[in-house]
N, C-alpha and C. Protein backbone atom coordinates (compact mmCIF):
# COMPACT_ATOMS: atom_id res chain seq x y z
N MET A 1 0.84 -1.20 0.00
CA MET A 1 0.00 0.00 0.00
C MET A 1 0.87 1.25 0.00
N THR A 2 0.54 2.16 -0.88
CA THR A 2 1.28 3.42 -0.93
C THR A 2 0.56 4.47 -0.10
N TRP A 3 1.28 5.52 0.27
CA TRP A 3 0.66 6.57 1.09
C TRP A 3 -0.39 7.33 0.30
N ILE A 4 -0.24 7.33 -1.05
CA ILE A 4 -1.23 8.01 -1.90
C ILE A 4 -2.56 7.26 -1.81
N TYR A 5 -2.49 5.94 -1.80
CA TYR A 5 -3.70 5.12 -1.70
C TYR A 5 -4.38 5.36 -0.36
N LEU A 6 -3.58 5.41 0.71
CA LEU A 6 -4.13 5.65 2.04
C LEU A 6 -4.77 7.03 2.13
N LEU A 7 -4.11 8.01 1.50
CA LEU A 7 -4.63 9.37 1.51
C LEU A 7 -5.97 9.43 0.78
N LYS A 8 -6.05 8.74 -0.34
CA LYS A 8 -7.29 8.70 -1.12
C LYS A 8 -8.39 8.02 -0.33
N LEU A 9 -8.02 6.93 0.35
CA LEU A 9 -8.99 6.18 1.16
C LEU A 9 -9.51 7.06 2.29
N LYS A 10 -8.59 7.82 2.90
CA LYS A 10 -8.97 8.70 4.01
C LYS A 10 -9.92 9.80 3.54
N SER A 11 -9.62 10.39 2.38
CA SER A 11 -10.48 11.46 1.88
C SER A 11 -11.85 10.90 1.49
N ASN A 12 -11.89 9.69 0.96
CA ASN A 12 -13.16 9.06 0.61
C ASN A 12 -14.00 8.82 1.86
N ALA A 13 -13.35 8.40 2.94
CA ALA A 13 -14.06 8.16 4.20
C ALA A 13 -14.62 9.46 4.74
N CYS A 14 -13.84 10.54 4.63
CA CYS A 14 -14.30 11.85 5.11
C CYS A 14 -15.52 12.31 4.32
N ILE A 15 -15.50 12.09 3.01
CA ILE A 15 -16.62 12.48 2.16
C ILE A 15 -17.86 11.66 2.52
N THR A 16 -17.67 10.36 2.76
CA THR A 16 -18.79 9.49 3.12
C THR A 16 -19.40 9.92 4.44
N ILE A 17 -18.55 10.22 5.42
CA ILE A 17 -19.03 10.67 6.73
C ILE A 17 -19.77 12.00 6.59
N HIS A 18 -19.24 12.89 5.76
CA HIS A 18 -19.87 14.19 5.55
C HIS A 18 -21.27 14.01 4.95
N HIS A 19 -21.40 13.15 3.95
CA HIS A 19 -22.69 12.89 3.32
C HIS A 19 -23.65 12.27 4.32
N PHE A 20 -23.14 11.40 5.19
CA PHE A 20 -23.98 10.77 6.21
C PHE A 20 -24.51 11.82 7.18
N LEU A 21 -23.63 12.74 7.59
CA LEU A 21 -24.05 13.80 8.52
C LEU A 21 -25.10 14.70 7.88
N VAL A 22 -24.90 15.02 6.60
CA VAL A 22 -25.88 15.84 5.89
C VAL A 22 -27.21 15.10 5.81
N TYR A 23 -27.17 13.80 5.55
CA TYR A 23 -28.38 12.99 5.47
C TYR A 23 -29.12 12.98 6.80
N VAL A 24 -28.37 12.83 7.89
CA VAL A 24 -28.97 12.82 9.22
C VAL A 24 -29.61 14.18 9.52
N LYS A 25 -28.93 15.25 9.14
CA LYS A 25 -29.47 16.59 9.38
C LYS A 25 -30.78 16.81 8.64
N THR A 26 -30.88 16.28 7.43
CA THR A 26 -32.10 16.47 6.65
C THR A 26 -33.24 15.60 7.19
N GLN A 27 -32.91 14.50 7.84
CA GLN A 27 -33.93 13.61 8.37
C GLN A 27 -34.55 14.16 9.65
N PHE A 28 -33.74 14.82 10.47
CA PHE A 28 -34.24 15.28 11.78
C PHE A 28 -34.34 16.79 11.83
């Protein structure tokens, strides 16, 4: 695993969490 791959994975996780938080905010 390269650090670029880990960085990409980390940014993808942040985006997913952000979308989840936005989804939760719209639900409640």
